Amino acid sequence: MIASHYAEPLKRTLAGQANLLAAPDDGSETVARLSPGDVLLMLDNSRGWAWGYAGPNRLVGYLRSEVLGKQLP
């Protein structure tokens, strides 16, 4: 499969503490624990869940949209 383009992630800070989860489900495995001020490179935000990657290892996962803070340049 050939992708004609890729999504440019939006940089969003976190307004509160959050678990980065393996799936968009509160019972899903925790991939990482994130702190207020950490940055999520968000690729999607729908149905109450933001999906993207965060941290120095750029771990991929989901977190609740309500914890998202301001957008960075």
Protein backbone atom coordinates (compact mmCIF):
# COMPACT_ATOMS: atom_id res chain seq x y z
CA MET A 1 0.00 0.00 0.00
CA ILE A 2 1.32 3.46 -0.85
CA ALA A 3 0.31 6.47 1.24
CA SER A 4 0.10 9.67 -0.76
CA HIS A 5 0.54 11.83 2.35
CA TYR A 6 0.95 11.63 6.09
CA ALA A 7 -0.87 13.47 8.84
CA GLU A 8 1.12 16.25 10.49
CA PRO A 9 0.74 15.83 14.26
CA LEU A 10 -0.62 18.68 16.37
CA LYS A 11 1.47 19.44 19.45
CA ARG A 12 -0.74 19.63 22.53
CA THR A 13 0.29 20.05 26.14
CA LEU A 14 -1.48 18.08 28.84
CA ALA A 15 -3.55 20.06 31.34
CA GLY A 16 -3.41 17.24 33.87
CA GLN A 17 -1.94 13.86 34.66
CA ALA A 18 -2.96 11.07 32.29
CA ASN A 19 -2.28 7.48 31.38
CA LEU A 20 -1.33 6.80 27.78
CA LEU A 21 -3.32 3.67 26.96
CA ALA A 22 -2.84 0.90 24.37
CA ALA A 23 -6.48 1.22 23.20
CA PRO A 24 -9.29 3.79 23.57
CA ASP A 25 -10.69 2.05 26.64
CA ASP A 26 -10.19 2.96 30.32
CA GLY A 27 -9.49 -0.72 31.08
CA SER A 28 -6.73 -0.96 28.48
CA GLU A 29 -3.04 -1.52 29.29
CA THR A 30 -1.15 1.61 30.40
CA VAL A 31 1.71 2.36 28.00
CA ALA A 32 3.06 5.39 29.93
CA ARG A 33 2.11 7.82 32.68
CA LEU A 34 2.13 11.44 31.56
CA SER A 35 2.32 14.60 33.66
CA PRO A 36 0.82 18.08 33.28
CA GLY A 37 2.84 20.04 30.73
CA ASP A 38 4.00 16.93 28.84
CA VAL A 39 3.45 17.10 25.09
CA LEU A 40 1.29 14.75 23.03
CA LEU A 41 1.92 14.76 19.29
CA MET A 42 -1.72 14.19 18.40
CA LEU A 43 -2.74 12.45 15.19
CA ASP A 44 -6.47 12.08 15.87
CA ASN A 45 -9.07 13.31 18.34
CA SER A 46 -12.50 11.72 18.15
CA ARG A 47 -15.20 10.20 20.36
CA GLY A 48 -13.55 11.55 23.49
CA TRP A 49 -10.13 10.02 22.81
CA ALA A 50 -6.93 11.58 21.52
CA TRP A 51 -4.46 9.30 19.72
CA GLY A 52 -0.81 10.12 19.23
CA TYR A 53 2.66 9.69 20.65
CA ALA A 54 4.47 11.14 23.64
CA GLY A 55 7.61 11.05 25.72
CA PRO A 56 11.27 10.62 24.81
CA ASN A 57 10.58 7.16 23.37
CA ARG A 58 7.59 8.44 21.38
CA LEU A 59 5.27 5.78 22.72
CA VAL A 60 1.99 5.54 20.83
CA GLY A 61 -1.33 5.42 22.60
CA TYR A 62 -4.65 6.97 23.54
CA LEU A 63 -5.72 9.33 26.29
CA ARG A 64 -8.95 11.06 27.21
CA SER A 65 -9.47 14.25 25.17
CA GLU A 66 -10.51 16.16 28.30
CA VAL A 67 -6.90 16.17 29.58
CA LEU A 68 -5.59 18.04 26.52
CA GLY A 69 -4.32 21.55 27.12
CA LYS A 70 -3.27 24.23 24.69
CA GLN A 71 -1.91 23.70 21.19
CA LEU A 72 1.75 24.53 20.64
CA PRO A 73 3.31 25.98 17.47
